[in-house]
Amino acid sequence: MSVEKELHARSGSKCELCGVEDNLHVYEVPPVNNNSLDRCVHVCNKCLDQIENPEKVDSNHWRCLNDCMWNENPAVQVVSWRMLSRLKSEGWPQGLLDMLYLDEETLAWAQITGEGVDQDDIVKHMDSNGAELHAGDTVVLTKDLNVKGANFTAKRGTAVRGISLVHDNAEQIEGRVSGQQIVILTKFVKKSN
């Protein structure tokens, strides 16, 4: 049986979000890794258009999430969580988000696209000149640094290629100097062009 036929059977030939019976589509919930039933949702044209085009979102249409967020299917729960997160500035979705329970695996799936993350909560790593650092960047040390536990000094002007970011600390990055993986404070580096 095809995924579309299975979705028709599972959903009762209705949009699993708003309940409309016309113009139904298979929506693969990102990130798409396979076209299996448990990663898909049956949606109407209106829901699909608003999911894929955030600028077209009509918050009143999504009041249907009050019902569908309780669906036992994880894919429907993920889409509900993402849309409530997208709309939380409206006020009413925040109350539903507070009530919605997702197990750890489903919540991780819902959060993987970055939906619902406040820009203020994103950790940004800045060099000594205020330039934003990204994983894989090359930086230059602006000061001689004594490397604890490795018994050497990383000299000023040393290029550190392919840095990685310490995700929970905006003041630290990691990189290789003299063959050693070390933690470096961002205030002692500048981004190399």
C-alpha atoms as a PDB file:
ATOM      1  CA  MET A   1       0.000   0.000   0.000  1.00  0.00           C
ATOM      2  CA  SER A   2       1.349   3.462  -0.893  1.00  0.00           C
ATOM      3  CA  VAL A   3       2.016   6.114   1.739  1.00  0.00           C
ATOM      4  CA  GLU A   4      -0.781   8.257   0.308  1.00  0.00           C
ATOM      5  CA  LYS A   5      -3.331   5.432   0.632  1.00  0.00           C
ATOM      6  CA  GLU A   6      -2.137   4.689   4.162  1.00  0.00           C
ATOM      7  CA  LEU A   7      -2.491   8.388   5.054  1.00  0.00           C
ATOM      8  CA  HIS A   8      -6.044   8.427   3.654  1.00  0.00           C
ATOM      9  CA  ALA A   9      -6.858   5.449   5.870  1.00  0.00           C
ATOM     10  CA  ARG A  10      -5.141   6.921   8.956  1.00  0.00           C
ATOM     11  CA  SER A  11      -6.677  10.387   8.592  1.00  0.00           C
ATOM     12  CA  GLY A  12     -10.135   9.336   7.443  1.00  0.00           C
ATOM     13  CA  SER A  13      -9.474  11.285   4.209  1.00  0.00           C
ATOM     14  CA  LYS A  14      -9.210  14.581   6.119  1.00  0.00           C
ATOM     15  CA  CYS A  15      -6.464  17.107   6.736  1.00  0.00           C
ATOM     16  CA  GLU A  16      -4.831  15.919   9.950  1.00  0.00           C
ATOM     17  CA  LEU A  17      -4.413  19.537  11.054  1.00  0.00           C
ATOM     18  CA  CYS A  18      -7.626  21.420  10.220  1.00  0.00           C
ATOM     19  CA  GLY A  19     -10.023  18.627   9.212  1.00  0.00           C
ATOM     20  CA  VAL A  20     -10.755  19.820   5.639  1.00  0.00           C
ATOM     21  CA  GLU A  21     -11.613  17.000   3.207  1.00  0.00           C
ATOM     22  CA  ASP A  22     -10.565  18.615  -0.118  1.00  0.00           C
ATOM     23  CA  ASN A  23      -7.234  18.840  -1.985  1.00  0.00           C
ATOM     24  CA  LEU A  24      -5.163  16.679   0.359  1.00  0.00           C
ATOM     25  CA  HIS A  25      -1.408  16.233   0.014  1.00  0.00           C
ATOM     26  CA  VAL A  26       1.317  14.141   1.592  1.00  0.00           C
ATOM     27  CA  TYR A  27       3.566  16.467   3.603  1.00  0.00           C
ATOM     28  CA  GLU A  28       6.909  14.961   4.600  1.00  0.00           C
ATOM     29  CA  VAL A  29       7.877  16.551   7.905  1.00  0.00           C
ATOM     30  CA  PRO A  30      11.486  17.859   7.735  1.00  0.00           C
ATOM     31  CA  PRO A  31      14.130  16.743   7.949  1.00  0.00           C
ATOM     32  CA  VAL A  32      13.036  14.252   5.314  1.00  0.00           C
ATOM     33  CA  ASN A  33      14.997  11.023   5.481  1.00  0.00           C
ATOM     34  CA  ASN A  34      12.521   8.590   4.003  1.00  0.00           C
ATOM     35  CA  ASN A  35       8.999   8.664   2.685  1.00  0.00           C
ATOM     36  CA  SER A  36       7.515   6.535   5.451  1.00  0.00           C
ATOM     37  CA  LEU A  37       4.080   6.886   6.962  1.00  0.00           C
ATOM     38  CA  ASP A  38       5.369   7.880  10.409  1.00  0.00           C
ATOM     39  CA  ARG A  39       7.255  10.888   8.928  1.00  0.00           C
ATOM     40  CA  CYS A  40       4.297  12.231   6.916  1.00  0.00           C
ATOM     41  CA  VAL A  41       1.130  14.204   7.572  1.00  0.00           C
ATOM     42  CA  HIS A  42      -2.000  14.458   5.419  1.00  0.00           C
ATOM     43  CA  VAL A  43      -2.612  18.189   4.849  1.00  0.00           C
ATOM     44  CA  CYS A  44      -4.878  20.407   2.762  1.00  0.00           C
ATOM     45  CA  ASN A  45      -3.713  23.099   0.318  1.00  0.00           C
ATOM     46  CA  LYS A  46      -4.228  25.921   2.831  1.00  0.00           C
ATOM     47  CA  CYS A  47      -2.229  24.244   5.633  1.00  0.00           C
ATOM     48  CA  LEU A  48       0.552  23.201   3.256  1.00  0.00           C
ATOM     49  CA  ASP A  49       0.848  26.695   1.775  1.00  0.00           C
ATOM     50  CA  GLN A  50       1.106  28.291   5.226  1.00  0.00           C
ATOM     51  CA  ILE A  51       3.570  25.691   6.553  1.00  0.00           C
ATOM     52  CA  GLU A  52       5.893  26.247   3.601  1.00  0.00           C
ATOM     53  CA  ASN A  53       5.423  30.044   3.399  1.00  0.00           C
ATOM     54  CA  PRO A  54       5.670  31.590   6.889  1.00  0.00           C
ATOM     55  CA  GLU A  55       4.871  35.062   5.532  1.00  0.00           C
ATOM     56  CA  LYS A  56       1.380  33.833   4.516  1.00  0.00           C
ATOM     57  CA  VAL A  57       0.412  32.505   7.956  1.00  0.00           C
ATOM     58  CA  ASP A  58      -3.140  33.326   9.046  1.00  0.00           C
ATOM     59  CA  SER A  59      -3.118  32.824  12.814  1.00  0.00           C
ATOM     60  CA  ASN A  60      -6.892  32.327  12.991  1.00  0.00           C
ATOM     61  CA  HIS A  61      -6.678  29.327  10.651  1.00  0.00           C
ATOM     62  CA  TRP A  62      -4.315  27.647  13.108  1.00  0.00           C
ATOM     63  CA  ARG A  63      -6.755  27.670  16.018  1.00  0.00           C
ATOM     64  CA  CYS A  64      -7.382  24.114  14.805  1.00  0.00           C
ATOM     65  CA  LEU A  65      -4.116  23.187  16.543  1.00  0.00           C
ATOM     66  CA  ASN A  66      -6.061  23.191  19.812  1.00  0.00           C
ATOM     67  CA  ASP A  67      -7.495  19.833  18.683  1.00  0.00           C
ATOM     68  CA  CYS A  68      -4.868  18.275  16.424  1.00  0.00           C
ATOM     69  CA  MET A  69      -1.950  18.783  18.835  1.00  0.00           C
ATOM     70  CA  TRP A  70      -3.378  15.872  20.857  1.00  0.00           C
ATOM     71  CA  ASN A  71      -3.089  13.509  17.862  1.00  0.00           C
ATOM     72  CA  GLU A  72      -1.151  10.369  18.785  1.00  0.00           C
ATOM     73  CA  ASN A  73       0.938  10.534  15.591  1.00  0.00           C
ATOM     74  CA  PRO A  74       4.386  12.107  16.251  1.00  0.00           C
ATOM     75  CA  ALA A  75       4.515  13.767  12.795  1.00  0.00           C
ATOM     76  CA  VAL A  76       1.256  15.623  13.523  1.00  0.00           C
ATOM     77  CA  GLN A  77       2.576  16.571  16.971  1.00  0.00           C
ATOM     78  CA  VAL A  78       5.794  17.948  15.416  1.00  0.00           C
ATOM     79  CA  VAL A  79       3.924  20.092  12.875  1.00  0.00           C
ATOM     80  CA  SER A  80       1.582  21.316  15.638  1.00  0.00           C
ATOM     81  CA  TRP A  81       4.531  22.263  17.873  1.00  0.00           C
ATOM     82  CA  ARG A  82       6.315  24.059  15.023  1.00  0.00           C
ATOM     83  CA  MET A  83       3.244  26.059  14.018  1.00  0.00           C
ATOM     84  CA  LEU A  84       2.433  26.980  17.632  1.00  0.00           C
ATOM     85  CA  SER A  85       6.049  28.085  18.068  1.00  0.00           C
ATOM     86  CA  ARG A  86       5.890  30.146  14.895  1.00  0.00           C
ATOM     87  CA  LEU A  87       2.711  31.840  16.128  1.00  0.00           C
ATOM     88  CA  LYS A  88       3.543  32.254  19.824  1.00  0.00           C
ATOM     89  CA  SER A  89       3.854  36.040  19.535  1.00  0.00           C
ATOM     90  CA  GLU A  90       0.060  36.067  18.973  1.00  0.00           C
ATOM     91  CA  GLY A  91      -0.426  35.173  22.656  1.00  0.00           C
ATOM     92  CA  TRP A  92      -2.926  32.303  22.520  1.00  0.00           C
ATOM     93  CA  PRO A  93      -0.468  29.719  21.068  1.00  0.00           C
ATOM     94  CA  GLN A  94       1.819  30.054  24.103  1.00  0.00           C
ATOM     95  CA  GLY A  95      -0.874  28.558  26.347  1.00  0.00           C
ATOM     96  CA  LEU A  96      -1.216  25.573  24.019  1.00  0.00           C
ATOM     97  CA  LEU A  97       2.564  25.153  23.850  1.00  0.00           C
ATOM     98  CA  ASP A  98       2.680  25.086  27.640  1.00  0.00           C
ATOM     99  CA  MET A  99       0.105  22.244  27.664  1.00  0.00           C
ATOM    100  CA  LEU A 100       1.616  20.234  24.807  1.00  0.00           C
ATOM    101  CA  TYR A 101       3.778  17.338  25.944  1.00  0.00           C
ATOM    102  CA  LEU A 102       6.243  15.758  23.509  1.00  0.00           C
ATOM    103  CA  ASP A 103       8.571  12.930  24.467  1.00  0.00           C
ATOM    104  CA  GLU A 104      12.306  13.686  24.153  1.00  0.00           C
ATOM    105  CA  GLU A 105      12.709  12.127  20.702  1.00  0.00           C
ATOM    106  CA  THR A 106       9.680  13.922  19.250  1.00  0.00           C
ATOM    107  CA  LEU A 107      10.706  17.256  20.790  1.00  0.00           C
ATOM    108  CA  ALA A 108      14.225  16.889  19.329  1.00  0.00           C
ATOM    109  CA  TRP A 109      12.629  16.238  15.921  1.00  0.00           C
ATOM    110  CA  ALA A 110      10.386  19.310  16.312  1.00  0.00           C
ATOM    111  CA  GLN A 111      13.321  21.557  17.280  1.00  0.00           C
ATOM    112  CA  ILE A 112      15.761  20.359  14.600  1.00  0.00           C
ATOM    113  CA  THR A 113      14.666  23.018  12.072  1.00  0.00           C
ATOM    114  CA  GLY A 114      15.193  25.838  14.564  1.00  0.00           C
ATOM    115  CA  GLU A 115      11.501  26.699  14.680  1.00  0.00           C
ATOM    116  CA  GLY A 116      10.577  28.243  18.003  1.00  0.00           C
ATOM    117  CA  VAL A 117      14.088  29.334  18.934  1.00  0.00           C
ATOM    118  CA  ASP A 118      14.222  32.962  20.014  1.00  0.00           C
ATOM    119  CA  GLN A 119      17.011  34.868  18.299  1.00  0.00           C
ATOM    120  CA  ASP A 120      17.987  36.197  21.740  1.00  0.00           C
ATOM    121  CA  ASP A 121      18.651  32.619  22.924  1.00  0.00           C
ATOM    122  CA  ILE A 122      21.123  31.803  20.144  1.00  0.00           C
ATOM    123  CA  VAL A 123      24.713  31.803  21.391  1.00  0.00           C
ATOM    124  CA  LYS A 124      26.900  33.975  19.139  1.00  0.00           C
ATOM    125  CA  HIS A 125      30.664  33.750  19.240  1.00  0.00           C
ATOM    126  CA  MET A 126      32.408  37.080  18.547  1.00  0.00           C
ATOM    127  CA  ASP A 127      36.122  37.683  18.059  1.00  0.00           C
ATOM    128  CA  SER A 128      38.105  40.498  19.716  1.00  0.00           C
ATOM    129  CA  ASN A 129      36.964  42.926  16.988  1.00  0.00           C
ATOM    130  CA  GLY A 130      33.272  42.017  17.227  1.00  0.00           C
ATOM    131  CA  ALA A 131      33.155  39.862  14.077  1.00  0.00           C
ATOM    132  CA  GLU A 132      30.901  36.806  14.366  1.00  0.00           C
ATOM    133  CA  LEU A 133      32.712  33.466  14.333  1.00  0.00           C
ATOM    134  CA  HIS A 134      31.338  30.332  12.677  1.00  0.00           C
ATOM    135  CA  ALA A 135      32.397  26.702  12.846  1.00  0.00           C
ATOM    136  CA  GLY A 136      35.155  26.076  10.297  1.00  0.00           C
ATOM    137  CA  ASP A 137      36.503  29.651  10.349  1.00  0.00           C
ATOM    138  CA  THR A 138      40.186  30.452  10.572  1.00  0.00           C
ATOM    139  CA  VAL A 139      41.285  32.754  13.394  1.00  0.00           C
ATOM    140  CA  VAL A 140      44.599  34.317  14.409  1.00  0.00           C
ATOM    141  CA  LEU A 141      45.763  34.531  18.022  1.00  0.00           C
ATOM    142  CA  THR A 142      46.160  38.136  19.219  1.00  0.00           C
ATOM    143  CA  LYS A 143      48.211  37.242  22.311  1.00  0.00           C
ATOM    144  CA  ASP A 144      50.720  34.597  23.465  1.00  0.00           C
ATOM    145  CA  LEU A 145      48.685  31.971  25.346  1.00  0.00           C
ATOM    146  CA  ASN A 146      50.084  29.517  27.874  1.00  0.00           C
ATOM    147  CA  VAL A 147      48.346  26.207  27.193  1.00  0.00           C
ATOM    148  CA  LYS A 148      47.607  24.526  30.501  1.00  0.00           C
ATOM    149  CA  GLY A 149      48.302  20.802  30.633  1.00  0.00           C
ATOM    150  CA  ALA A 150      50.209  20.775  27.328  1.00  0.00           C
ATOM    151  CA  ASN A 151      53.322  22.655  28.487  1.00  0.00           C
ATOM    152  CA  PHE A 152      53.690  24.981  25.515  1.00  0.00           C
ATOM    153  CA  THR A 153      52.841  28.545  24.553  1.00  0.00           C
ATOM    154  CA  ALA A 154      50.635  29.281  21.566  1.00  0.00           C
ATOM    155  CA  LYS A 155      52.322  32.284  19.984  1.00  0.00           C
ATOM    156  CA  ARG A 156      50.632  35.489  18.916  1.00  0.00           C
ATOM    157  CA  GLY A 157      49.932  35.441  15.164  1.00  0.00           C
ATOM    158  CA  THR A 158      49.378  31.672  15.042  1.00  0.00           C
ATOM    159  CA  ALA A 159      46.573  30.756  12.634  1.00  0.00           C
ATOM    160  CA  VAL A 160      44.032  28.292  13.951  1.00  0.00           C
ATOM    161  CA  ARG A 161      42.124  26.712  11.064  1.00  0.00           C
ATOM    162  CA  GLY A 162      38.779  24.941  11.139  1.00  0.00           C
ATOM    163  CA  ILE A 163      37.672  26.083  14.575  1.00  0.00           C
ATOM    164  CA  SER A 164      34.652  24.579  16.320  1.00  0.00           C
ATOM    165  CA  LEU A 165      32.339  26.495  18.600  1.00  0.00           C
ATOM    166  CA  VAL A 166      31.589  25.630  22.224  1.00  0.00           C
ATOM    167  CA  HIS A 167      27.799  25.689  21.898  1.00  0.00           C
ATOM    168  CA  ASP A 168      26.919  26.604  25.472  1.00  0.00           C
ATOM    169  CA  ASN A 169      29.647  29.231  25.984  1.00  0.00           C
ATOM    170  CA  ALA A 170      29.930  32.242  23.667  1.00  0.00           C
ATOM    171  CA  GLU A 171      33.405  33.061  25.016  1.00  0.00           C
ATOM    172  CA  GLN A 172      35.075  29.790  23.992  1.00  0.00           C
ATOM    173  CA  ILE A 173      36.082  28.094  20.754  1.00  0.00           C
ATOM    174  CA  GLU A 174      38.170  24.997  20.094  1.00  0.00           C
ATOM    175  CA  GLY A 175      40.979  24.515  17.615  1.00  0.00           C
ATOM    176  CA  ARG A 176      44.266  22.745  16.920  1.00  0.00           C
ATOM    177  CA  VAL A 177      47.530  24.440  17.809  1.00  0.00           C
ATOM    178  CA  SER A 178      50.821  22.516  17.519  1.00  0.00           C
ATOM    179  CA  GLY A 179      48.879  19.288  17.037  1.00  0.00           C
ATOM    180  CA  GLN A 180      46.891  19.756  20.267  1.00  0.00           C
ATOM    181  CA  GLN A 181      43.134  20.383  20.434  1.00  0.00           C
ATOM    182  CA  ILE A 182      42.728  23.319  22.835  1.00  0.00           C
ATOM    183  CA  VAL A 183      40.022  25.637  24.120  1.00  0.00           C
ATOM    184  CA  ILE A 184      40.652  29.293  23.274  1.00  0.00           C
ATOM    185  CA  LEU A 185      38.887  32.365  24.621  1.00  0.00           C
ATOM    186  CA  THR A 186      37.289  34.402  21.826  1.00  0.00           C
ATOM    187  CA  LYS A 187      38.685  37.642  23.264  1.00  0.00           C
ATOM    188  CA  PHE A 188      42.191  36.456  22.249  1.00  0.00           C
ATOM    189  CA  VAL A 189      41.447  35.782  18.566  1.00  0.00           C
ATOM    190  CA  LYS A 190      40.524  37.719  15.456  1.00  0.00           C
ATOM    191  CA  LYS A 191      38.803  36.296  12.437  1.00  0.00           C
ATOM    192  CA  SER A 192      41.032  35.803   9.417  1.00  0.00           C
ATOM    193  CA  ASN A 193      39.650  36.714   5.994  1.00  0.00           C
END
